[in-house]
Amino acid sequence: MTATNSTPNAELSARLRKAVHDHWSLFLVEGIILTVLGLAAIIVPPLGGLFVTVFLGWLFSSRESLGSLRLSERDRRLGLDGLCFQQSSP
């Protein structure tokens, strides 16, 4: 019974060895591509978070600076008294 079990295993092992020998370059390329993709999967999410943080910071800071500009223009038009009266009126 041992002889019958080892024959299919030996045949399968020989076929596998031949396939790897014949197509070793494809296996190498596949390994390199999967390694690069794996590293990208590790590196890209933190970079995405960094880009979103920078974008939102830029967006909020530009909004605040534009709001300050608009407020200072309104102050110049109304004067200090006009600004005080405008805020106290309903």
Protein backbone atom coordinates (compact mmCIF):
# COMPACT_ATOMS: atom_id res chain seq x y z
CA MET A 1 0.00 0.00 0.00
CA THR A 2 2.92 2.34 0.62
CA ALA A 3 4.16 1.84 -2.94
CA THR A 4 0.82 2.91 -4.47
CA ASN A 5 0.58 6.03 -2.31
CA SER A 6 4.12 7.18 -3.06
CA THR A 7 3.71 6.87 -6.83
CA PRO A 8 1.04 9.60 -7.22
CA ASN A 9 2.93 11.82 -4.76
CA ALA A 10 6.19 11.31 -6.61
CA GLU A 11 4.49 11.98 -9.95
CA LEU A 12 2.84 15.13 -8.59
CA SER A 13 6.13 16.29 -7.09
CA ALA A 14 7.94 15.75 -10.40
CA ARG A 15 5.26 17.63 -12.35
CA LEU A 16 5.37 20.50 -9.88
CA ARG A 17 9.18 20.66 -10.03
CA LYS A 18 9.04 20.70 -13.86
CA ALA A 19 6.40 23.48 -13.89
CA VAL A 20 8.43 25.65 -11.53
CA HIS A 21 11.59 25.01 -13.54
CA ASP A 22 9.87 25.87 -16.83
CA HIS A 23 8.16 29.04 -15.55
CA TRP A 24 10.54 30.31 -12.86
CA SER A 25 10.65 33.80 -14.34
CA LEU A 26 6.86 34.19 -14.11
CA PHE A 27 6.93 33.12 -10.47
CA LEU A 28 9.71 35.62 -9.79
CA VAL A 29 7.82 38.47 -11.48
CA GLU A 30 4.63 37.56 -9.62
CA GLY A 31 6.52 37.57 -6.31
CA ILE A 32 8.05 40.98 -7.00
CA ILE A 33 4.71 42.48 -8.04
CA LEU A 34 2.93 41.11 -4.98
CA THR A 35 5.71 42.39 -2.71
CA VAL A 36 5.46 45.89 -4.20
CA LEU A 37 1.67 45.86 -3.89
CA GLY A 38 1.92 44.68 -0.29
CA LEU A 39 4.32 47.49 0.58
CA ALA A 40 2.03 49.99 -1.15
CA ALA A 41 -0.91 48.70 0.90
CA ILE A 42 1.10 49.42 4.05
CA ILE A 43 2.42 52.84 3.00
CA VAL A 44 -0.55 54.41 1.16
CA PRO A 45 -3.18 54.67 3.97
CA PRO A 46 -1.02 56.87 6.24
CA LEU A 47 -0.13 59.05 3.25
CA GLY A 48 -3.83 59.39 2.42
CA GLY A 49 -4.52 60.50 5.98
CA LEU A 50 -1.70 63.01 5.79
CA PHE A 51 -3.01 64.44 2.50
CA VAL A 52 -6.53 64.79 3.91
CA THR A 53 -5.18 66.51 7.03
CA VAL A 54 -3.14 68.99 4.99
CA PHE A 55 -6.06 69.68 2.65
CA LEU A 56 -8.55 70.28 5.47
CA GLY A 57 -6.05 72.48 7.32
CA TRP A 58 -5.50 74.54 4.20
CA LEU A 59 -9.25 74.76 3.58
CA PHE A 60 -10.11 75.90 7.10
CA SER A 61 -7.22 78.36 7.37
CA SER A 62 -8.04 79.96 4.02
CA ARG A 63 -11.69 80.21 5.04
CA GLU A 64 -10.73 81.96 8.28
CA SER A 65 -8.39 84.38 6.55
CA LEU A 66 -11.03 85.25 3.96
CA GLY A 67 -13.59 85.74 6.73
CA SER A 68 -11.23 88.09 8.55
CA LEU A 69 -10.69 90.05 5.35
CA ARG A 70 -14.41 90.39 4.81
CA LEU A 71 -14.97 91.50 8.40
CA SER A 72 -12.25 94.14 8.18
CA GLU A 73 -13.80 95.53 4.98
CA ARG A 74 -17.18 95.78 6.70
CA ASP A 75 -15.56 97.58 9.65
CA ARG A 76 -14.03 100.13 7.33
CA ARG A 77 -17.35 100.76 5.58
CA LEU A 78 -19.48 101.04 8.71
CA GLY A 79 -17.02 102.56 11.13
CA LEU A 80 -16.87 101.51 14.76
CA ASP A 81 -20.23 103.14 15.70
CA GLY A 82 -22.07 101.51 12.83
CA LEU A 83 -20.70 98.12 13.75
CA CYS A 84 -21.75 98.49 17.39
CA PHE A 85 -25.26 99.64 16.48
CA GLN A 86 -25.69 96.92 13.90
CA GLN A 87 -24.86 94.20 16.41
CA SER A 88 -27.24 95.54 19.05
CA SER A 89 -30.23 95.95 16.74
CA PRO A 90 -32.66 92.96 16.42
